[in-house]
Structure formats: structure tokens, C-alpha cells
């Protein structure tokens, strides 16, 4: 069993600690994917604020217009 785990390097500390990868497939996520995942919350809040200001507060854009 330990030989099997050793062949997949599941418990080893990886040199690139800032890289995201699933343990099951060991595919490393690209920097673009990593950045998208790490900034999605702040981008969502910014987009919601812009949506509310443009469509509700200033009413420059029709509420049901496409985003």
C-alpha cells in the first residue's frame, strides 16, 4: 500500500506551494484558473455594485437589459 502511495506522491510537499491541483488527478491548475478562483468573490461584489448603481440608482441602463 505504501508503495502505491509513494508512486503517486500523494503525501509529499510540493515545491510550488502556490499551485492548485486536485489530489485525485494531480493535474495542476493554470495560473489563470488559480487567479480566477482566488479573485471571484471580490469580482462578484464589484460587478454587483456596478449593476445596482447603473440599473437601480442612476437608471442609466434598463433593468432587464442584457448584462
PDB file of N, CA and C in Angstrom:
ATOM      1  N   UNK A   1       0.833  -1.192   0.000  1.00  0.00           N
ATOM      2  CA  UNK A   1       0.000   0.000   0.000  1.00  0.00           C
ATOM      3  C   UNK A   1       0.878   1.257   0.000  1.00  0.00           C
ATOM      4  N   UNK A   2       1.909   1.265   0.819  1.00  0.00           N
ATOM      5  CA  UNK A   2       2.797   2.422   0.888  1.00  0.00           C
ATOM      6  C   UNK A   2       3.530   2.637  -0.432  1.00  0.00           C
ATOM      7  N   UNK A   3       3.841   1.551  -1.125  1.00  0.00           N
ATOM      8  CA  UNK A   3       4.497   1.672  -2.423  1.00  0.00           C
ATOM      9  C   UNK A   3       3.562   2.343  -3.419  1.00  0.00           C
ATOM     10  N   UNK A   4       2.285   2.014  -3.351  1.00  0.00           N
ATOM     11  CA  UNK A   4       1.299   2.634  -4.232  1.00  0.00           C
ATOM     12  C   UNK A   4       1.210   4.137  -3.954  1.00  0.00           C
ATOM     13  N   UNK A   5       1.122   4.527  -2.681  1.00  0.00           N
ATOM     14  CA  UNK A   5       1.087   5.944  -2.343  1.00  0.00           C
ATOM     15  C   UNK A   5       2.369   6.649  -2.764  1.00  0.00           C
ATOM     16  N   UNK A   6       3.492   5.984  -2.606  1.00  0.00           N
ATOM     17  CA  UNK A   6       4.768   6.566  -2.989  1.00  0.00           C
ATOM     18  C   UNK A   6       4.859   6.828  -4.484  1.00  0.00           C
ATOM     19  N   UNK A   7       4.269   5.957  -5.275  1.00  0.00           N
ATOM     20  CA  UNK A   7       4.333   6.140  -6.722  1.00  0.00           C
ATOM     21  C   UNK A   7       3.516   7.341  -7.179  1.00  0.00           C
ATOM     22  N   UNK A   8       2.488   7.704  -6.422  1.00  0.00           N
ATOM     23  CA  UNK A   8       1.671   8.865  -6.787  1.00  0.00           C
ATOM     24  C   UNK A   8       2.078  10.133  -6.055  1.00  0.00           C
ATOM     25  N   UNK A   9       2.972  10.040  -5.127  1.00  0.00           N
ATOM     26  CA  UNK A   9       3.496  11.212  -4.434  1.00  0.00           C
ATOM     27  C   UNK A   9       2.382  12.024  -3.771  1.00  0.00           C
ATOM     28  N   UNK A  10       1.414  11.319  -3.185  1.00  0.00           N
ATOM     29  CA  UNK A  10       0.235  11.976  -2.619  1.00  0.00           C
ATOM     30  C   UNK A  10       0.568  12.767  -1.361  1.00  0.00           C
ATOM     31  N   UNK A  11       1.473  12.262  -0.530  1.00  0.00           N
ATOM     32  CA  UNK A  11       1.725  12.879   0.752  1.00  0.00           C
ATOM     33  C   UNK A  11       2.960  13.770   0.771  1.00  0.00           C
ATOM     34  N   UNK A  12       3.574  13.993  -0.356  1.00  0.00           N
ATOM     35  CA  UNK A  12       4.771  14.810  -0.434  1.00  0.00           C
ATOM     36  C   UNK A  12       4.419  16.294  -0.454  1.00  0.00           C
ATOM     37  N   UNK A  13       5.301  17.125   0.063  1.00  0.00           N
ATOM     38  CA  UNK A  13       5.152  18.575  -0.026  1.00  0.00           C
ATOM     39  C   UNK A  13       5.683  18.989  -1.385  1.00  0.00           C
ATOM     40  N   UNK A  14       4.894  19.715  -2.128  1.00  0.00           N
ATOM     41  CA  UNK A  14       5.280  20.096  -3.480  1.00  0.00           C
ATOM     42  C   UNK A  14       6.044  21.407  -3.470  1.00  0.00           C
ATOM     43  N   UNK A  15       6.989  21.513  -4.368  1.00  0.00           N
ATOM     44  CA  UNK A  15       7.848  22.688  -4.426  1.00  0.00           C
ATOM     45  C   UNK A  15       7.058  23.956  -4.718  1.00  0.00           C
ATOM     46  N   UNK A  16       6.069  23.853  -5.588  1.00  0.00           N
ATOM     47  CA  UNK A  16       5.287  25.030  -5.960  1.00  0.00           C
ATOM     48  C   UNK A  16       4.043  25.087  -5.079  1.00  0.00           C
ATOM     49  N   UNK A  17       4.157  25.689  -3.915  1.00  0.00           N
ATOM     50  CA  UNK A  17       3.060  25.695  -2.954  1.00  0.00           C
ATOM     51  C   UNK A  17       1.885  26.550  -3.396  1.00  0.00           C
ATOM     52  N   UNK A  18       2.096  27.486  -4.291  1.00  0.00           N
ATOM     53  CA  UNK A  18       1.025  28.368  -4.731  1.00  0.00           C
ATOM     54  C   UNK A  18       0.238  27.802  -5.907  1.00  0.00           C
ATOM     55  N   UNK A  19       0.501  26.562  -6.281  1.00  0.00           N
ATOM     56  CA  UNK A  19      -0.205  25.938  -7.388  1.00  0.00           C
ATOM     57  C   UNK A  19      -1.373  25.131  -6.844  1.00  0.00           C
ATOM     58  N   UNK A  20      -2.504  25.170  -7.528  1.00  0.00           N
ATOM     59  CA  UNK A  20      -3.677  24.406  -7.119  1.00  0.00           C
ATOM     60  C   UNK A  20      -3.761  23.131  -7.943  1.00  0.00           C
ATOM     61  N   UNK A  21      -4.055  22.016  -7.288  1.00  0.00           N
ATOM     62  CA  UNK A  21      -4.219  20.771  -8.017  1.00  0.00           C
ATOM     63  C   UNK A  21      -5.077  19.827  -7.193  1.00  0.00           C
ATOM     64  N   UNK A  22      -5.948  19.066  -7.865  1.00  0.00           N
ATOM     65  CA  UNK A  22      -6.741  18.067  -7.154  1.00  0.00           C
ATOM     66  C   UNK A  22      -5.883  16.830  -6.863  1.00  0.00           C
ATOM     67  N   UNK A  23      -6.052  16.267  -5.700  1.00  0.00           N
ATOM     68  CA  UNK A  23      -5.258  15.097  -5.329  1.00  0.00           C
ATOM     69  C   UNK A  23      -5.585  13.887  -6.190  1.00  0.00           C
ATOM     70  N   UNK A  24      -6.841  13.764  -6.637  1.00  0.00           N
ATOM     71  CA  UNK A  24      -7.235  12.577  -7.394  1.00  0.00           C
ATOM     72  C   UNK A  24      -6.538  12.505  -8.748  1.00  0.00           C
ATOM     73  N   UNK A  25      -6.468  13.621  -9.462  1.00  0.00           N
ATOM     74  CA  UNK A  25      -5.900  13.576 -10.812  1.00  0.00           C
ATOM     75  C   UNK A  25      -4.486  14.132 -10.881  1.00  0.00           C
ATOM     76  N   UNK A  26      -4.103  14.941  -9.902  1.00  0.00           N
ATOM     77  CA  UNK A  26      -2.788  15.584  -9.856  1.00  0.00           C
ATOM     78  C   UNK A  26      -2.544  16.529 -11.029  1.00  0.00           C
ATOM     79  N   UNK A  27      -3.621  16.978 -11.701  1.00  0.00           N
ATOM     80  CA  UNK A  27      -3.481  17.975 -12.754  1.00  0.00           C
ATOM     81  C   UNK A  27      -3.299  19.329 -12.096  1.00  0.00           C
ATOM     82  N   UNK A  28      -2.303  20.068 -12.504  1.00  0.00           N
ATOM     83  CA  UNK A  28      -2.033  21.374 -11.917  1.00  0.00           C
ATOM     84  C   UNK A  28      -2.863  22.422 -12.644  1.00  0.00           C
ATOM     85  N   UNK A  29      -3.558  23.258 -11.874  1.00  0.00           N
ATOM     86  CA  UNK A  29      -4.362  24.335 -12.464  1.00  0.00           C
ATOM     87  C   UNK A  29      -3.432  25.415 -12.997  1.00  0.00           C
ATOM     88  N   UNK A  30      -3.830  26.011 -14.113  1.00  0.00           N
ATOM     89  CA  UNK A  30      -3.025  27.085 -14.687  1.00  0.00           C
ATOM     90  C   UNK A  30      -3.108  28.325 -13.801  1.00  0.00           C
ATOM     91  N   UNK A  31      -2.207  29.255 -14.022  1.00  0.00           N
ATOM     92  CA  UNK A  31      -2.216  30.500 -13.242  1.00  0.00           C
ATOM     93  C   UNK A  31      -3.501  31.283 -13.476  1.00  0.00           C
ATOM     94  N   UNK A  32      -4.044  31.253 -14.695  1.00  0.00           N
ATOM     95  CA  UNK A  32      -5.296  31.953 -14.976  1.00  0.00           C
ATOM     96  C   UNK A  32      -6.444  31.378 -14.160  1.00  0.00           C
ATOM     97  N   UNK A  33      -6.528  30.060 -14.084  1.00  0.00           N
ATOM     98  CA  UNK A  33      -7.583  29.422 -13.294  1.00  0.00           C
ATOM     99  C   UNK A  33      -7.396  29.731 -11.819  1.00  0.00           C
ATOM    100  N   UNK A  34      -6.165  29.651 -11.342  1.00  0.00           N
ATOM    101  CA  UNK A  34      -5.889  29.969  -9.941  1.00  0.00           C
ATOM    102  C   UNK A  34      -6.314  31.391  -9.611  1.00  0.00           C
ATOM    103  N   UNK A  35      -5.946  32.343 -10.480  1.00  0.00           N
ATOM    104  CA  UNK A  35      -6.306  33.744 -10.241  1.00  0.00           C
ATOM    105  C   UNK A  35      -7.816  33.943 -10.267  1.00  0.00           C
ATOM    106  N   UNK A  36      -8.515  33.273 -11.199  1.00  0.00           N
ATOM    107  CA  UNK A  36      -9.971  33.373 -11.248  1.00  0.00           C
ATOM    108  C   UNK A  36     -10.612  32.861  -9.966  1.00  0.00           C
ATOM    109  N   UNK A  37     -10.119  31.740  -9.473  1.00  0.00           N
ATOM    110  CA  UNK A  37     -10.684  31.176  -8.246  1.00  0.00           C
ATOM    111  C   UNK A  37     -10.407  32.047  -7.020  1.00  0.00           C
ATOM    112  N   UNK A  38      -9.232  32.631  -6.971  1.00  0.00           N
ATOM    113  CA  UNK A  38      -8.862  33.422  -5.800  1.00  0.00           C
ATOM    114  C   UNK A  38      -9.473  34.817  -5.795  1.00  0.00           C
ATOM    115  N   UNK A  39      -9.919  35.311  -6.947  1.00  0.00           N
ATOM    116  CA  UNK A  39     -10.477  36.667  -7.013  1.00  0.00           C
ATOM    117  C   UNK A  39     -11.967  36.682  -7.336  1.00  0.00           C
ATOM    118  N   UNK A  40     -12.621  35.527  -7.428  1.00  0.00           N
ATOM    119  CA  UNK A  40     -14.023  35.501  -7.851  1.00  0.00           C
ATOM    120  C   UNK A  40     -14.949  36.228  -6.872  1.00  0.00           C
ATOM    121  N   UNK A  41     -14.698  36.142  -5.588  1.00  0.00           N
ATOM    122  CA  UNK A  41     -15.577  36.805  -4.617  1.00  0.00           C
ATOM    123  C   UNK A  41     -15.511  38.322  -4.760  1.00  0.00           C
ATOM    124  N   UNK A  42     -14.321  38.877  -4.839  1.00  0.00           N
ATOM    125  CA  UNK A  42     -14.196  40.338  -4.951  1.00  0.00           C
ATOM    126  C   UNK A  42     -14.715  40.831  -6.304  1.00  0.00           C
ATOM    127  N   UNK A  43     -14.486  40.050  -7.383  1.00  0.00           N
ATOM    128  CA  UNK A  43     -15.012  40.452  -8.692  1.00  0.00           C
ATOM    129  C   UNK A  43     -16.525  40.430  -8.688  1.00  0.00           C
ATOM    130  N   UNK A  44     -17.119  39.432  -8.035  1.00  0.00           N
ATOM    131  CA  UNK A  44     -18.578  39.349  -7.946  1.00  0.00           C
ATOM    132  C   UNK A  44     -19.170  40.523  -7.192  1.00  0.00           C
ATOM    133  N   UNK A  45     -18.538  40.907  -6.090  1.00  0.00           N
ATOM    134  CA  UNK A  45     -19.021  42.054  -5.324  1.00  0.00           C
ATOM    135  C   UNK A  45     -18.927  43.339  -6.136  1.00  0.00           C
ATOM    136  N   UNK A  46     -17.844  43.504  -6.884  1.00  0.00           N
ATOM    137  CA  UNK A  46     -17.669  44.689  -7.726  1.00  0.00           C
ATOM    138  C   UNK A  46     -18.727  44.735  -8.818  1.00  0.00           C
ATOM    139  N   UNK A  47     -18.975  43.605  -9.471  1.00  0.00           N
ATOM    140  CA  UNK A  47     -19.974  43.563 -10.536  1.00  0.00           C
ATOM    141  C   UNK A  47     -21.380  43.804 -10.001  1.00  0.00           C
ATOM    142  N   UNK A  48     -21.693  43.288  -8.818  1.00  0.00           N
ATOM    143  CA  UNK A  48     -23.000  43.529  -8.211  1.00  0.00           C
ATOM    144  C   UNK A  48     -23.179  45.008  -7.900  1.00  0.00           C
ATOM    145  N   UNK A  49     -22.139  45.634  -7.369  1.00  0.00           N
ATOM    146  CA  UNK A  49     -22.204  47.064  -7.054  1.00  0.00           C
ATOM    147  C   UNK A  49     -22.427  47.883  -8.327  1.00  0.00           C
ATOM    148  N   UNK A  50     -21.691  47.563  -9.401  1.00  0.00           N
ATOM    149  CA  UNK A  50     -21.864  48.270 -10.673  1.00  0.00           C
ATOM    150  C   UNK A  50     -23.276  48.071 -11.214  1.00  0.00           C
ATOM    151  N   UNK A  51     -23.796  46.846 -11.145  1.00  0.00           N
ATOM    152  CA  UNK A  51     -25.139  46.537 -11.616  1.00  0.00           C
ATOM    153  C   UNK A  51     -26.174  47.368 -10.869  1.00  0.00           C
ATOM    154  N   UNK A  52     -26.067  47.395  -9.545  1.00  0.00           N
ATOM    155  CA  UNK A  52     -27.032  48.135  -8.734  1.00  0.00           C
ATOM    156  C   UNK A  52     -26.962  49.633  -9.004  1.00  0.00           C
ATOM    157  N   UNK A  53     -25.770  50.177  -9.145  1.00  0.00           N
ATOM    158  CA  UNK A  53     -25.634  51.615  -9.394  1.00  0.00           C
ATOM    159  C   UNK A  53     -26.175  52.003 -10.769  1.00  0.00           C
ATOM    160  N   UNK A  54     -25.832  51.232 -11.805  1.00  0.00           N
ATOM    161  CA  UNK A  54     -26.249  51.568 -13.161  1.00  0.00           C
ATOM    162  C   UNK A  54     -27.747  51.380 -13.374  1.00  0.00           C
ATOM    163  N   UNK A  55     -28.313  50.329 -12.824  1.00  0.00           N
ATOM    164  CA  UNK A  55     -29.698  49.971 -13.126  1.00  0.00           C
ATOM    165  C   UNK A  55     -30.706  50.416 -12.081  1.00  0.00           C
ATOM    166  N   UNK A  56     -30.306  50.563 -10.845  1.00  0.00           N
ATOM    167  CA  UNK A  56     -31.251  50.934  -9.795  1.00  0.00           C
ATOM    168  C   UNK A  56     -31.088  52.383  -9.354  1.00  0.00           C
ATOM    169  N   UNK A  57     -29.866  52.786  -9.070  1.00  0.00           N
ATOM    170  CA  UNK A  57     -29.618  54.120  -8.534  1.00  0.00           C
ATOM    171  C   UNK A  57     -29.658  55.180  -9.627  1.00  0.00           C
ATOM    172  N   UNK A  58     -28.801  55.037 -10.638  1.00  0.00           N
ATOM    173  CA  UNK A  58     -28.706  56.051 -11.691  1.00  0.00           C
ATOM    174  C   UNK A  58     -29.725  55.832 -12.804  1.00  0.00           C
ATOM    175  N   UNK A  59     -30.171  54.613 -12.978  1.00  0.00           N
ATOM    176  CA  UNK A  59     -31.121  54.204 -14.013  1.00  0.00           C
ATOM    177  C   UNK A  59     -30.649  54.606 -15.414  1.00  0.00           C
ATOM    178  N   UNK A  60     -29.349  54.473 -15.650  1.00  0.00           N
ATOM    179  CA  UNK A  60     -28.772  54.732 -16.963  1.00  0.00           C
ATOM    180  C   UNK A  60     -29.010  53.572 -17.914  1.00  0.00           C
ATOM    181  N   UNK A  61     -29.176  52.385 -17.368  1.00  0.00           N
ATOM    182  CA  UNK A  61     -29.387  51.180 -18.158  1.00  0.00           C
ATOM    183  C   UNK A  61     -30.713  50.574 -17.718  1.00  0.00           C
ATOM    184  N   UNK A  62     -31.499  50.096 -18.689  1.00  0.00           N
ATOM    185  CA  UNK A  62     -32.762  49.461 -18.362  1.00  0.00           C
ATOM    186  C   UNK A  62     -32.488  48.226 -17.494  1.00  0.00           C
ATOM    187  N   UNK A  63     -33.317  48.009 -16.495  1.00  0.00           N
ATOM    188  CA  UNK A  63     -33.081  46.939 -15.536  1.00  0.00           C
ATOM    189  C   UNK A  63     -32.956  45.571 -16.202  1.00  0.00           C
ATOM    190  N   UNK A  64     -33.812  45.284 -17.188  1.00  0.00           N
ATOM    191  CA  UNK A  64     -33.828  43.967 -17.825  1.00  0.00           C
ATOM    192  C   UNK A  64     -32.941  43.886 -19.069  1.00  0.00           C
ATOM    193  N   UNK A  65     -32.116  44.885 -19.309  1.00  0.00           N
ATOM    194  CA  UNK A  65     -31.182  44.836 -20.439  1.00  0.00           C
ATOM    195  C   UNK A  65     -30.173  43.714 -20.203  1.00  0.00           C
ATOM    196  N   UNK A  66     -29.649  43.157 -21.279  1.00  0.00           N
ATOM    197  CA  UNK A  66     -28.685  42.081 -21.133  1.00  0.00           C
ATOM    198  C   UNK A  66     -27.412  42.576 -20.449  1.00  0.00           C
ATOM    199  N   UNK A  67     -26.805  41.687 -19.731  1.00  0.00           N
ATOM    200  CA  UNK A  67     -25.591  42.059 -18.988  1.00  0.00           C
ATOM    201  C   UNK A  67     -24.404  41.994 -19.899  1.00  0.00           C
TER     202      UNK A  67
END
